[in-house]
Protein backbone atom coordinates (compact mmCIF):
# COMPACT_ATOMS: atom_id res chain seq x y z
CA MET A 1 -149.45 -156.51 -14.95
CA SER A 2 -148.19 -160.10 -13.65
CA ARG A 3 -147.67 -160.55 -9.78
CA SER A 4 -144.00 -161.06 -10.53
CA GLY A 5 -144.10 -157.14 -12.19
CA ARG A 6 -146.04 -155.72 -9.53
CA SER A 7 -143.92 -157.36 -7.08
CA ARG A 8 -140.52 -156.07 -8.67
CA GLY A 9 -142.30 -152.45 -8.78
CA ARG A 10 -143.25 -152.77 -5.11
CA ARG A 11 -141.29 -149.86 -3.14
CA ARG A 12 -138.89 -152.18 -0.78
CA GLY A 13 -138.97 -150.55 3.36
CA THR A 14 -137.38 -150.72 6.20
CA PHE A 15 -137.94 -153.17 8.75
CA HIS A 16 -138.70 -152.66 12.41
CA VAL A 17 -140.70 -154.12 15.22
CA ALA A 18 -143.59 -151.87 15.97
CA THR A 19 -146.21 -151.15 18.30
CA LEU A 20 -149.65 -151.19 17.01
CA GLU A 21 -152.18 -148.61 18.02
CA ARG A 22 -155.70 -146.60 17.07
CA ARG A 23 -154.96 -142.92 16.17
CA GLY A 24 -158.73 -141.41 15.26
CA ARG A 25 -160.02 -143.44 12.29
CA PHE A 26 -156.55 -144.42 11.42
CA THR A 27 -154.32 -147.86 12.66
CA VAL A 28 -150.59 -146.99 12.91
CA ALA A 29 -147.12 -148.71 13.40
CA ARG A 30 -144.64 -147.09 15.26
CA PRO A 31 -140.74 -147.83 15.94
CA LEU A 32 -139.99 -149.27 19.31
CA PHE A 33 -136.72 -149.66 19.46
CA GLU A 34 -135.18 -147.44 16.40
CA PRO A 35 -135.68 -143.77 16.03
CA GLY A 36 -138.35 -143.77 13.43
CA GLU A 37 -141.89 -141.91 11.90
CA GLN A 38 -145.30 -143.82 12.78
CA ALA A 39 -146.64 -144.79 9.42
CA THR A 40 -150.30 -145.81 8.67
CA LEU A 41 -151.92 -149.45 8.32
CA ASP A 42 -154.18 -150.62 5.95
CA ARG A 43 -157.39 -149.86 6.99
CA ARG A 44 -158.20 -153.90 7.18
CA THR A 45 -155.40 -154.63 9.44
CA ARG A 46 -156.59 -156.12 12.50
CA PHE A 47 -154.64 -155.97 15.92
CA ARG A 48 -154.81 -156.47 19.33
CA ARG A 49 -154.67 -153.66 22.05
CA GLY A 50 -150.86 -153.92 23.10
CA GLN A 51 -149.48 -155.81 19.99
CA ILE A 52 -145.80 -155.92 18.77
CA ALA A 53 -145.44 -156.70 15.54
CA TRP A 54 -142.40 -156.99 12.57
CA ALA A 55 -143.40 -154.72 10.09
CA GLU A 56 -142.04 -152.96 6.87
CA PHE A 57 -142.39 -149.01 6.65
CA ALA A 58 -142.15 -147.44 3.25
CA GLY A 59 -143.47 -144.25 2.16
CA GLY A 60 -145.74 -143.39 4.93
CA ARG A 61 -147.46 -146.86 4.98
CA ALA A 62 -146.62 -150.04 7.69
CA ARG A 63 -147.42 -153.77 6.08
CA ILE A 64 -147.15 -156.19 9.15
CA VAL A 65 -144.81 -158.94 8.39
CA ARG A 66 -145.51 -161.33 11.50
CA ASP A 67 -147.20 -160.43 15.46
CA LEU A 68 -144.53 -161.07 18.06
CA GLY A 69 -146.42 -160.80 20.97
CA GLN A 70 -147.33 -158.19 23.25
CA ILE A 71 -145.57 -155.34 24.60
CA ASP A 72 -146.07 -156.21 28.28
CA ASN A 73 -144.70 -159.50 28.11
CA ALA A 74 -140.87 -159.69 29.00
CA THR A 75 -140.41 -162.86 26.69
CA ASP A 76 -141.90 -161.51 23.42
CA VAL A 77 -140.25 -157.66 23.91
CA SER A 78 -136.56 -159.68 25.07
CA GLU A 79 -137.44 -161.81 21.74
CA ALA A 80 -138.40 -158.85 19.52
CA LEU A 81 -134.82 -156.75 20.54
CA THR A 82 -132.92 -159.88 19.47
CA LEU A 83 -135.05 -160.17 16.02
CA GLU A 84 -134.77 -156.22 15.80
CA ARG A 85 -130.50 -156.32 15.84
CA LEU A 86 -129.52 -159.64 14.57
CA ARG A 87 -131.90 -159.14 11.54
CA HIS A 88 -132.74 -163.00 11.48
CA ARG A 89 -133.94 -165.88 13.48
CA GLY A 90 -133.07 -169.17 12.41
CA PHE A 91 -131.62 -170.79 9.89
CA ARG A 92 -132.72 -170.80 6.13
CA GLN A 93 -133.70 -174.39 4.90
CA ALA A 94 -130.23 -175.22 2.81
CA ILE A 95 -128.07 -174.49 5.56
CA GLU A 96 -130.17 -176.70 8.10
CA ALA A 97 -129.94 -179.36 4.89
CA GLU A 98 -126.38 -178.98 5.03
CA ALA A 99 -125.88 -179.78 8.74
CA GLU A 100 -128.10 -182.58 8.57
CA ALA A 101 -126.38 -183.94 5.95
CA ALA A 102 -122.48 -182.70 7.75
CA ALA A 103 -123.71 -184.62 10.92
CA GLY A 104 -123.60 -187.94 9.38
CA ASN A 105 -120.44 -187.25 6.87
CA PRO A 106 -117.63 -186.09 9.40
CA VAL A 107 -113.88 -185.74 7.87
CA GLU A 108 -112.34 -188.88 7.85
CA VAL A 109 -108.85 -188.25 9.60
CA PRO A 110 -105.37 -189.28 8.69
CA GLY A 111 -103.82 -191.94 10.36
CA GLY A 112 -107.57 -192.35 12.61
CA ARG A 113 -108.33 -190.76 15.93
CA ARG A 114 -107.40 -192.14 19.55
CA ASP A 115 -110.05 -193.95 21.48
CA LEU A 116 -110.22 -191.92 24.94
CA THR A 117 -113.90 -193.48 25.16
CA ALA A 118 -112.67 -195.68 28.07
CA LEU A 119 -111.35 -192.50 29.96
CA PRO A 120 -113.61 -190.93 32.89
CA THR A 121 -114.45 -187.83 31.53
CA PHE A 122 -116.88 -185.00 33.17
CA THR A 123 -117.95 -181.97 32.09
CA VAL A 124 -118.62 -178.93 34.01
CA ASP A 125 -121.68 -176.07 32.01
CA PRO A 126 -124.16 -173.76 33.18
CA SER A 127 -127.61 -175.82 34.20
CA SER A 128 -129.20 -174.28 31.05
CA ALA A 129 -126.50 -175.29 28.77
CA ARG A 130 -127.55 -177.40 25.48
CA ASP A 131 -124.03 -177.32 23.90
CA PHE A 132 -121.10 -178.72 25.58
CA ASP A 133 -118.22 -177.34 23.92
CA ASP A 134 -115.33 -179.07 27.11
CA ALA A 135 -114.85 -182.09 28.78
CA VAL A 136 -111.84 -182.67 31.27
CA SER A 137 -110.46 -186.25 32.43
CA ALA A 138 -107.32 -186.46 35.02
CA ARG A 139 -105.07 -189.02 36.38
CA ARG A 140 -101.97 -189.09 38.85
CA GLU A 141 -98.67 -189.60 37.56
CA ALA A 142 -95.56 -190.34 39.09
CA ASP A 143 -94.37 -186.71 38.19
CA GLY A 144 -97.51 -184.88 38.62
CA VAL A 145 -101.12 -184.91 37.14
CA ARG A 146 -101.88 -186.07 33.20
CA VAL A 147 -104.79 -183.53 32.26
CA TRP A 148 -106.78 -183.87 29.49
CA ILE A 149 -109.21 -181.15 27.90
CA HIS A 150 -111.29 -182.52 25.66
CA ILE A 151 -112.85 -179.97 22.91
CA ALA A 152 -115.57 -180.65 20.60
CA ASP A 153 -114.14 -181.30 17.10
CA VAL A 154 -116.03 -178.68 14.90
CA ALA A 155 -113.99 -178.66 12.18
CA ALA A 156 -114.70 -182.00 11.52
CA TYR A 157 -118.31 -181.22 10.62
CA VAL A 158 -118.09 -177.64 9.36
CA ARG A 159 -115.77 -177.79 6.03
CA PRO A 160 -114.16 -175.03 4.71
CA GLY A 161 -116.00 -173.40 1.13
CA SER A 162 -119.31 -175.12 2.65
CA GLY A 163 -122.61 -173.29 3.00
CA LEU A 164 -122.26 -173.80 7.30
CA GLU A 165 -118.91 -172.31 6.98
CA ALA A 166 -119.74 -168.73 5.28
CA GLU A 167 -123.06 -168.82 8.01
CA ALA A 168 -120.57 -169.19 10.79
CA ALA A 169 -118.31 -166.75 9.51
CA ARG A 170 -121.02 -163.92 9.73
CA ARG A 171 -122.33 -164.68 12.72
CA ALA A 172 -119.08 -165.43 14.47
CA ASN A 173 -120.69 -166.00 17.44
CA SER A 174 -123.62 -167.62 19.10
CA THR A 175 -125.46 -165.11 21.03
CA TYR A 176 -126.93 -165.31 24.31
CA VAL A 177 -129.71 -163.53 25.53
CA ALA A 178 -132.31 -164.02 28.66
CA THR A 179 -134.95 -165.66 27.05
CA SER A 180 -132.85 -167.97 24.12
CA VAL A 181 -129.89 -168.77 22.24
CA GLU A 182 -129.54 -167.67 19.04
CA PRO A 183 -126.65 -170.00 17.62
CA MET A 184 -123.64 -170.06 15.41
CA LEU A 185 -124.23 -173.31 14.17
CA PRO A 186 -127.46 -175.46 13.51
CA LEU A 187 -129.24 -177.45 16.53
CA ALA A 188 -128.16 -180.56 14.52
CA LEU A 189 -124.72 -179.37 15.05
CA SER A 190 -124.24 -177.24 18.25
CA ALA A 191 -126.84 -179.30 20.16
CA GLY A 192 -126.19 -182.59 18.33
CA VAL A 193 -123.33 -184.48 17.26
CA CYS A 194 -120.52 -181.90 18.31
CA SER A 195 -122.02 -181.36 21.77
CA LEU A 196 -120.13 -183.55 24.74
CA SER A 197 -123.27 -184.81 25.91
CA PRO A 198 -122.88 -187.32 28.44
CA GLY A 199 -123.16 -190.78 27.59
CA GLU A 200 -122.24 -190.53 24.14
CA GLU A 201 -119.66 -191.02 22.07
CA ARG A 202 -118.10 -187.70 20.35
CA LEU A 203 -115.31 -186.74 18.00
CA ALA A 204 -112.67 -183.98 19.90
CA VAL A 205 -109.91 -182.24 19.50
CA THR A 206 -107.63 -183.54 22.66
CA SER A 207 -104.96 -181.01 24.53
CA GLU A 208 -103.43 -183.65 26.74
CA ILE A 209 -100.78 -182.08 29.29
CA VAL A 210 -98.69 -183.25 32.64
CA LEU A 211 -98.47 -180.50 35.17
CA SER A 212 -95.24 -181.05 37.96
CA GLY A 213 -96.45 -180.47 41.55
CA SER A 214 -95.85 -177.11 41.31
CA GLY A 215 -97.75 -176.03 38.01
CA GLU A 216 -95.41 -175.93 35.50
CA VAL A 217 -95.94 -178.02 32.21
CA SER A 218 -93.47 -180.99 31.70
CA SER A 219 -95.21 -182.09 28.82
CA ILE A 220 -98.37 -181.73 26.33
CA ALA A 221 -99.71 -183.34 22.92
CA TRP A 222 -102.17 -182.51 20.88
CA TYR A 223 -104.51 -185.21 18.71
CA ARG A 224 -107.66 -186.10 17.40
CA SER A 225 -110.38 -187.87 19.89
CA ARG A 226 -112.79 -190.32 20.21
CA VAL A 227 -114.73 -189.34 23.59
CA VAL A 228 -117.50 -190.23 25.95
CA SER A 229 -118.51 -187.71 28.79
CA ASP A 230 -119.29 -190.07 31.55
CA ALA A 231 -121.04 -187.10 34.41
CA ARG A 232 -121.98 -183.79 32.94
CA LEU A 233 -122.83 -181.32 36.24
CA ASP A 234 -123.35 -177.60 36.25
CA TYR A 235 -121.73 -174.82 38.41
CA ASP A 236 -123.87 -175.31 41.32
CA GLN A 237 -123.79 -178.86 41.67
CA LEU A 238 -119.98 -179.05 41.50
CA ASP A 239 -120.10 -176.25 44.34
CA ARG A 240 -122.23 -178.30 46.33
CA ILE A 241 -119.45 -180.85 45.99
CA PHE A 242 -116.60 -178.89 46.92
CA VAL A 243 -118.44 -177.84 50.36
CA GLY A 244 -119.69 -181.17 50.96
CA GLN A 245 -123.34 -180.90 50.24
CA GLU A 246 -123.33 -183.81 47.86
CA ARG A 247 -121.40 -186.40 46.78
CA PRO A 248 -119.78 -186.54 43.35
CA PRO A 249 -120.53 -188.80 40.60
CA GLU A 250 -118.62 -192.08 41.23
CA THR A 251 -117.01 -192.19 38.01
CA ALA A 252 -115.82 -188.55 38.02
CA ALA A 253 -114.45 -188.51 41.90
CA GLU A 254 -111.05 -188.72 41.36
CA PRO A 255 -110.57 -186.81 37.99
CA LEU A 256 -112.92 -184.16 39.46
CA GLY A 257 -110.08 -184.00 43.05
CA LEU A 258 -107.25 -184.06 41.04
CA ALA A 259 -108.21 -181.32 38.28
CA ARG A 260 -109.18 -178.99 41.11
CA LYS A 261 -105.69 -179.16 42.76
CA VAL A 262 -104.47 -178.36 38.99
CA ALA A 263 -106.93 -175.50 38.73
CA ALA A 264 -105.68 -174.12 42.12
CA ARG A 265 -102.22 -174.79 41.51
CA LEU A 266 -102.71 -172.45 38.07
CA ALA A 267 -104.73 -169.78 40.00
CA GLU A 268 -101.51 -169.42 42.50
CA THR A 269 -98.96 -168.82 39.80
CA ARG A 270 -100.79 -166.49 38.01
CA SER A 271 -102.49 -164.45 40.82
CA GLU A 272 -99.87 -161.68 40.66
CA ALA A 273 -100.11 -161.61 37.09
CA THR A 274 -103.90 -161.42 36.32
CA LEU A 275 -106.42 -158.82 36.70
CA ASP A 276 -108.78 -159.25 39.99
CA VAL A 277 -111.98 -157.38 39.05
CA SER A 278 -115.66 -158.74 40.71
CA SER A 279 -118.65 -158.91 37.76
CA THR A 280 -122.11 -160.62 38.11
CA GLU A 281 -124.42 -161.70 35.75
CA PRO A 282 -128.15 -161.93 35.92
CA SER A 283 -130.16 -165.33 35.24
CA PHE A 284 -133.88 -164.55 34.98
CA SER A 285 -136.54 -167.40 35.71
CA PHE A 286 -139.91 -167.54 33.99
CA ASP A 287 -143.37 -168.92 33.59
CA ASP A 288 -145.05 -170.91 31.14
CA ASP A 289 -146.66 -167.77 29.62
CA GLY A 290 -143.00 -165.96 29.01
CA GLN A 291 -143.59 -163.51 31.77
CA VAL A 292 -140.21 -163.00 34.40
CA THR A 293 -140.31 -164.24 37.83
CA GLY A 294 -137.03 -164.25 38.98
CA SER A 295 -133.52 -164.24 39.08
CA LYS A 296 -129.68 -164.48 40.91
CA ALA A 297 -127.02 -162.65 40.22
CA GLU A 298 -124.42 -165.69 38.78
CA SER A 299 -120.97 -164.65 40.24
CA GLN A 300 -117.37 -166.34 39.81
CA THR A 301 -117.09 -169.34 42.28
CA GLU A 302 -114.56 -171.79 42.52
CA ALA A 303 -116.49 -173.98 40.19
CA HIS A 304 -116.49 -171.82 37.38
CA ARG A 305 -112.78 -170.84 38.25
CA LEU A 306 -111.82 -174.16 38.00
CA ILE A 307 -113.10 -174.80 34.81
CA GLU A 308 -111.45 -171.06 33.44
CA GLN A 309 -108.12 -171.84 34.42
CA LEU A 310 -108.20 -175.39 32.77
CA MET A 311 -109.30 -173.78 29.54
CA VAL A 312 -106.48 -170.43 30.40
CA LEU A 313 -104.31 -173.28 29.96
CA ALA A 314 -105.08 -174.72 26.47
CA ASN A 315 -105.77 -171.50 25.05
CA GLU A 316 -102.67 -170.45 26.08
CA GLN A 317 -100.68 -173.62 25.02
CA VAL A 318 -102.22 -173.74 21.83
CA ALA A 319 -101.53 -170.05 21.43
CA LYS A 320 -97.78 -170.85 21.97
CA LEU A 321 -97.66 -172.97 19.39
CA LEU A 322 -99.02 -171.51 16.43
CA GLU A 323 -96.86 -168.50 17.16
CA ALA A 324 -93.92 -170.52 16.68
CA LYS A 325 -94.39 -172.29 13.88
CA ARG A 326 -95.70 -168.99 12.52
CA THR A 327 -98.74 -170.44 11.47
CA PRO A 328 -102.06 -167.90 10.39
CA THR A 329 -104.51 -167.75 13.46
CA LEU A 330 -106.22 -165.71 15.59
CA TYR A 331 -104.73 -164.10 18.72
CA ARG A 332 -107.23 -163.17 21.58
CA VAL A 333 -105.43 -159.85 22.41
CA HIS A 334 -105.40 -157.25 25.06
CA GLU A 335 -103.44 -154.72 24.78
CA LEU A 336 -100.84 -152.78 27.40
CA PRO A 337 -102.85 -149.80 28.38
CA ASP A 338 -101.80 -146.18 27.31
CA PRO A 339 -100.48 -144.58 30.47
CA ASP A 340 -102.21 -141.56 30.24
CA ARG A 341 -104.81 -143.43 31.34
CA ILE A 342 -103.59 -145.44 34.10
CA VAL A 343 -102.25 -142.45 35.40
CA ARG A 344 -106.13 -141.37 35.00
CA LEU A 345 -107.38 -144.53 36.93
CA THR A 346 -105.02 -143.79 40.32
CA ASP A 347 -106.71 -140.59 40.35
CA GLN A 348 -110.31 -141.41 40.40
CA LEU A 349 -109.04 -143.95 43.20
CA ALA A 350 -107.81 -141.41 45.17
CA SER A 351 -110.76 -139.46 44.62
CA LEU A 352 -112.70 -141.96 46.32
CA ASP A 353 -110.34 -142.47 49.16
CA LEU A 354 -109.68 -146.01 47.52
CA PRO A 355 -105.55 -147.15 47.72
CA ALA A 356 -104.12 -146.79 44.56
CA PRO A 357 -100.26 -147.59 43.53
CA PRO A 358 -97.64 -144.94 43.30
CA VAL A 359 -97.13 -143.53 39.86
CA PRO A 360 -93.63 -142.91 38.54
CA ASP A 361 -93.13 -140.02 36.11
CA GLY A 362 -92.58 -141.31 33.01
CA ILE A 363 -94.01 -144.60 32.94
CA GLY A 364 -94.29 -146.86 29.49
CA PRO A 365 -97.19 -149.18 28.67
CA VAL A 366 -95.01 -152.12 30.56
CA GLN A 367 -95.39 -149.86 33.45
CA ALA A 368 -98.95 -148.93 32.82
CA GLY A 369 -100.01 -153.14 32.63
CA ARG A 370 -98.47 -153.50 35.89
CA LEU A 371 -100.37 -150.26 37.86
CA ALA A 372 -103.25 -151.63 36.50
CA ILE A 373 -102.97 -155.09 38.01
CA GLU A 374 -102.06 -153.74 41.15
CA SER A 375 -105.03 -151.61 41.31
CA SER A 376 -107.88 -154.30 40.43
CA ARG A 377 -105.85 -156.20 44.01
CA SER A 378 -105.71 -153.43 45.85
CA VAL A 379 -109.51 -152.53 44.82
CA ALA A 380 -110.54 -155.69 45.85
CA LYS A 381 -109.05 -156.28 49.30
CA GLU A 382 -110.78 -152.98 50.02
CA ALA A 383 -114.06 -153.25 48.77
CA ALA A 384 -113.86 -157.23 50.76
CA ARG A 385 -112.77 -155.22 53.80
CA ARG A 386 -115.38 -152.73 53.03
CA GLY A 387 -118.21 -154.78 52.30
CA HIS A 388 -119.39 -153.04 49.02
CA GLY A 389 -118.04 -151.46 46.06
CA ALA A 390 -116.43 -154.60 44.04
CA VAL A 391 -118.29 -153.92 40.96
CA PRO A 392 -118.23 -150.16 40.67
CA TRP A 393 -114.64 -150.13 41.91
CA GLY A 394 -113.77 -152.73 39.80
CA SER A 395 -115.11 -150.83 36.30
CA LEU A 396 -113.39 -148.16 36.79
CA VAL A 397 -110.16 -150.43 36.74
CA LEU A 398 -111.58 -152.01 33.09
CA ARG A 399 -112.61 -148.58 31.58
CA SER A 400 -108.74 -146.99 32.02
CA LEU A 401 -107.74 -150.18 30.13
CA LYS A 402 -107.99 -151.22 25.90
CA PRO A 403 -110.71 -153.80 25.10
CA ALA A 404 -110.31 -157.05 24.40
CA ARG A 405 -110.23 -158.39 20.73
CA TYR A 406 -109.14 -160.84 18.08
CA SER A 407 -106.11 -160.09 15.65
CA GLU A 408 -104.00 -161.76 13.17
CA LYS A 409 -100.96 -160.44 15.35
CA ASN A 410 -99.72 -161.62 18.97
CA LEU A 411 -99.82 -158.62 20.90
CA GLY A 412 -100.08 -160.48 23.81
CA HIS A 413 -102.93 -160.23 26.44
CA ALA A 414 -102.35 -158.26 29.62
CA GLY A 415 -105.32 -158.41 31.36
CA LEU A 416 -104.32 -161.98 31.69
CA GLY A 417 -100.45 -161.47 32.12
CA SER A 418 -100.09 -164.33 29.00
CA GLU A 419 -97.43 -163.42 25.94
CA ALA A 420 -99.64 -165.39 23.68
CA TYR A 421 -103.21 -166.19 24.03
CA SER A 422 -106.00 -168.05 21.78
CA HIS A 423 -109.62 -168.83 21.82
CA PHE A 424 -109.71 -172.02 21.38
CA THR A 425 -111.94 -174.10 23.10
CA SER A 426 -115.58 -173.02 22.47
CA PRO A 427 -115.52 -173.74 18.45
CA ILE A 428 -119.46 -174.42 19.09
CA ARG A 429 -120.09 -170.96 19.73
CA ARG A 430 -117.00 -168.84 18.44
CA TYR A 431 -115.89 -168.58 15.32
CA ALA A 432 -112.26 -167.51 16.07
CA ASP A 433 -112.17 -170.82 17.56
CA LEU A 434 -113.00 -172.83 14.63
CA ILE A 435 -109.80 -171.12 13.00
CA VAL A 436 -107.55 -171.62 15.44
CA HIS A 437 -108.44 -175.34 15.32
CA ARG A 438 -107.65 -175.88 12.02
CA GLY A 439 -104.17 -174.03 12.56
CA LEU A 440 -103.27 -176.53 14.93
CA LEU A 441 -104.57 -179.28 13.06
CA SER A 442 -102.99 -178.44 10.10
CA GLU A 443 -99.66 -178.13 12.03
CA LEU A 444 -100.30 -181.55 13.43
CA GLY A 445 -100.68 -183.64 10.23
CA GLN A 446 -104.49 -184.26 10.80
CA GLY A 447 -106.84 -183.80 7.85
CA GLU A 448 -107.10 -179.89 8.18
CA ARG A 449 -105.43 -176.94 5.65
CA ALA A 450 -103.93 -174.10 7.49
CA PRO A 451 -106.42 -170.72 7.16
CA ASP A 452 -105.15 -168.31 4.31
CA PRO A 453 -103.92 -165.12 5.73
CA GLY A 454 -106.11 -162.62 4.16
CA ASP A 455 -109.33 -164.64 5.75
CA VAL A 456 -108.08 -164.49 8.88
CA ALA A 457 -107.23 -160.96 9.08
CA ALA A 458 -110.91 -160.56 7.95
CA ALA A 459 -112.46 -162.52 10.33
CA ALA A 460 -110.29 -160.88 13.37
CA ILE A 461 -112.12 -157.40 12.51
CA ASN A 462 -116.21 -158.83 11.74
CA CYS A 463 -115.24 -161.52 15.16
CA SER A 464 -114.58 -158.33 16.96
CA GLU A 465 -117.29 -156.48 16.41
CA MET A 466 -119.79 -159.14 16.34
CA GLU A 467 -119.00 -160.08 19.67
CA ARG A 468 -119.42 -156.47 20.53
CA GLU A 469 -123.00 -156.01 19.12
CA ALA A 470 -123.83 -159.69 21.33
CA THR A 471 -122.70 -158.23 24.29
CA ARG A 472 -125.18 -155.30 23.43
CA LEU A 473 -127.52 -157.17 22.80
CA GLU A 474 -127.38 -159.33 25.75
CA ARG A 475 -127.12 -156.31 27.95
CA ASP A 476 -130.07 -154.88 26.58
CA THR A 477 -132.58 -157.93 26.77
CA ASP A 478 -131.11 -158.42 30.88
CA ASP A 479 -132.27 -154.78 31.70
CA ILE A 480 -135.63 -155.50 29.69
CA CYS A 481 -136.24 -158.31 31.95
CA ALA A 482 -135.06 -157.09 35.36
CA ALA A 483 -137.26 -153.66 34.55
CA PHE A 484 -140.46 -156.04 34.14
CA LEU A 485 -139.32 -157.99 37.13
CA LEU A 486 -138.64 -155.30 38.86
CA GLU A 487 -142.42 -153.69 37.94
CA ARG A 488 -143.53 -156.79 39.01
CA GLU A 489 -142.02 -156.73 42.60
CA LEU A 490 -143.17 -153.09 43.12
CA PHE A 491 -146.97 -154.03 41.72
CA GLU A 492 -147.06 -156.98 44.27
CA ARG A 493 -145.02 -155.31 47.22
CA GLY A 494 -146.00 -151.86 47.18
CA TRP A 495 -144.40 -148.81 45.04
CA LYS A 496 -143.57 -147.02 48.19
CA GLN A 497 -140.73 -149.86 49.40
CA THR A 498 -137.22 -148.27 49.30
CA PHE A 499 -134.31 -150.34 48.41
CA GLU A 500 -130.77 -150.43 49.39
CA GLY A 501 -128.43 -150.05 46.81
CA GLU A 502 -124.97 -148.84 45.63
CA VAL A 503 -123.48 -146.09 43.27
CA SER A 504 -122.29 -147.65 39.89
CA GLY A 505 -121.65 -144.65 37.77
CA VAL A 506 -121.92 -140.96 37.36
CA ILE A 507 -123.06 -138.55 34.05
CA GLY A 508 -123.96 -135.17 34.15
CA ALA A 509 -127.46 -136.43 34.00
CA GLY A 510 -126.67 -138.24 37.10
CA ALA A 511 -126.43 -141.31 38.87
CA PHE A 512 -126.70 -145.05 38.20
CA VAL A 513 -127.74 -147.37 41.01
CA THR A 514 -127.72 -151.33 40.96
CA PHE A 515 -129.82 -152.70 44.13
CA GLY A 516 -131.46 -155.50 44.95
CA GLY A 517 -135.24 -156.70 45.67
CA GLU A 518 -137.23 -159.66 47.09
CA LEU A 519 -137.63 -161.09 43.90
CA GLY A 520 -134.47 -160.17 41.70
CA ALA A 521 -131.23 -159.65 42.11
CA GLY A 522 -129.38 -157.04 39.87
CA TYR A 523 -131.91 -153.67 39.39
CA GLU A 524 -130.16 -151.07 37.95
CA GLY A 525 -131.77 -147.48 37.66
CA LEU A 526 -130.82 -143.60 36.86
CA ILE A 527 -131.70 -141.11 39.78
CA PRO A 528 -131.29 -137.70 37.81
CA VAL A 529 -130.23 -134.59 38.88
CA ARG A 530 -133.07 -133.33 39.02
CA LYS A 531 -134.00 -135.47 41.59
CA MET A 532 -131.26 -134.67 43.62
CA LYS A 533 -133.49 -131.97 45.85
CA GLY A 534 -131.89 -128.66 47.37
CA ASP A 535 -129.02 -127.83 45.63
CA ARG A 536 -126.71 -128.22 42.34
CA PHE A 537 -124.75 -131.30 41.43
CA ASP A 538 -122.05 -131.85 38.88
CA LEU A 539 -119.53 -134.02 37.77
CA ASN A 540 -116.16 -133.51 40.05
CA PRO A 541 -112.87 -133.35 37.46
CA GLU A 542 -112.13 -137.28 37.83
CA GLU A 543 -115.94 -138.25 36.83
CA THR A 544 -115.96 -140.03 39.43
CA ALA A 545 -118.94 -138.48 42.00
CA LEU A 546 -121.93 -135.58 41.49
CA VAL A 547 -121.01 -133.02 43.85
CA GLY A 548 -123.50 -130.52 45.32
CA ALA A 549 -122.38 -127.33 44.52
CA LYS A 550 -123.27 -126.19 48.29
CA SER A 551 -123.32 -129.00 50.33
CA GLY A 552 -120.63 -130.91 49.17
CA ARG A 553 -123.26 -133.97 49.60
CA ALA A 554 -121.50 -136.31 46.77
CA PHE A 555 -122.80 -139.30 45.06
CA ARG A 556 -120.06 -141.29 44.51
CA PHE A 557 -119.01 -144.90 42.47
CA GLY A 558 -119.54 -147.75 45.15
CA ASP A 559 -121.25 -145.71 47.83
CA PRO A 560 -124.16 -146.83 49.49
CA VAL A 561 -127.49 -145.36 48.70
CA GLU A 562 -131.38 -145.23 49.29
CA VAL A 563 -133.69 -145.07 45.98
CA SER A 564 -137.04 -145.82 45.61
CA VAL A 565 -138.56 -146.28 42.14
CA GLU A 566 -140.22 -143.59 40.13
CA ARG A 567 -140.86 -145.18 36.97
CA VAL A 568 -140.29 -148.05 35.09
CA ASP A 569 -140.16 -148.56 31.69
CA GLY A 570 -140.13 -152.25 30.96
CA PRO A 571 -140.29 -152.27 27.22
CA ARG A 572 -136.85 -150.34 26.74
CA GLY A 573 -135.35 -151.60 30.13
CA ARG A 574 -135.21 -148.53 31.86
CA VAL A 575 -135.64 -147.34 35.47
CA ASP A 576 -135.73 -143.83 36.96
CA LEU A 577 -135.21 -143.51 40.28
CA GLU A 578 -135.08 -141.37 43.43
CA PRO A 579 -133.40 -140.79 46.89
CA ALA A 580 -135.43 -142.27 49.38
């Protein structure tokens, strides 16, 4: 039989990340992340102790497709989980070739582009960033401040109907895991000609906005442009500039100062209409062997808020225009909450002795939305007063709300207090933004056709789903790296040490606790109820605490607690704790 005949006849199996081990006379592969039966490998298969691999499982047999490294290496395990979830890494050769060709052949713009290359311009991003979606310029005017928000013109390179377009639509977003990035677009675009890199002339879509002294928009214009970023700042650097520890680059000093004032005024204007919820994200460091060596908690600082306020401004203004013109587009929506969920939220806050706004009888969604915002603000103030609880108490507020998502219909954004909102400012890493760009540019008569309504509706579903999957993967790889780091700390400093933390969640099986150590910030583990000695602990009716039936002792959301570590499972990102 021919080789092609054998290939057609071979049973195709399922693919999983697997651990390899010897069992008696046999070598077996066992799925690492997903449930599944072990399978036997060919006896001639050679493997290393602790090896993980991408394997095909079929009919009780397994075949090694690719070596993925070692199970005791944080980077190898994180990358393996990323492959398991995404089912791909990198791009097909045809897509890479198309990106290379597109990079040298951007679309022609009717009437040409506005030349802003002489305008002082800066970017602010994480220090590790490779793709720069947005840049900012600012100049003082007689009646206020003129701000230019420049966004990478991805639509100039990714054309409707192309293979690049189909690939971007399928992926829907770039995925940022602890150890790497899986970009939505090939690097020739995402880290190349689309990225607003310092000192490089780039194509952009610019929002030129004049704001009055009170922060009101007095005029706005959009157009395709050419820009050059003069200064590439990162968030830590900008925060040092703000507190006087570092001088800003000369070209950025004036526009940066003006942008800071504008952002502060915008934040003040929006303050009563937006949620106030604290959150942190871990940032990990690794050695040359891929082992995690440390982490720090990334929280919202003034530098983050400056860029956030300007991007929210641009997103709102684009959404308002497209809604007024009835142009098919994607909206970023955050619907008003279910009143029953907000009533329960106030009960939960009361059970934790936290201030909660009074709830009138018969409230509707609009009142429920206002109560959610009031609750977030009262919780934030109480956390600041007590010195703990900001993140877990804030999570209770978030759980009472509907999740943000994409929709072809404008349903408002309750969390931001916006009547219309879109994602416009990150087209390198979000397909939704590319759709919004095309709608905007079609209205401006600048070389694009309005998106098809059916395509927009389908994209809303896919972008929302892929965003949820990416968020889950990012969280799980963070857990893996944190568990490996904790294990390292315990080996270096001893397993008997205790940690100060706070209860971040409760379920019937136990209490989750977040805690920090010498090497890392943001560890989390579970105290199983079996480790809560001397009593039987049950969830209270509000599901905010595990309470001892006899003693009344409670593990409550946000309460400080001392713990020690019982067990760490690095490859699965799990930590078992016990009360200290």
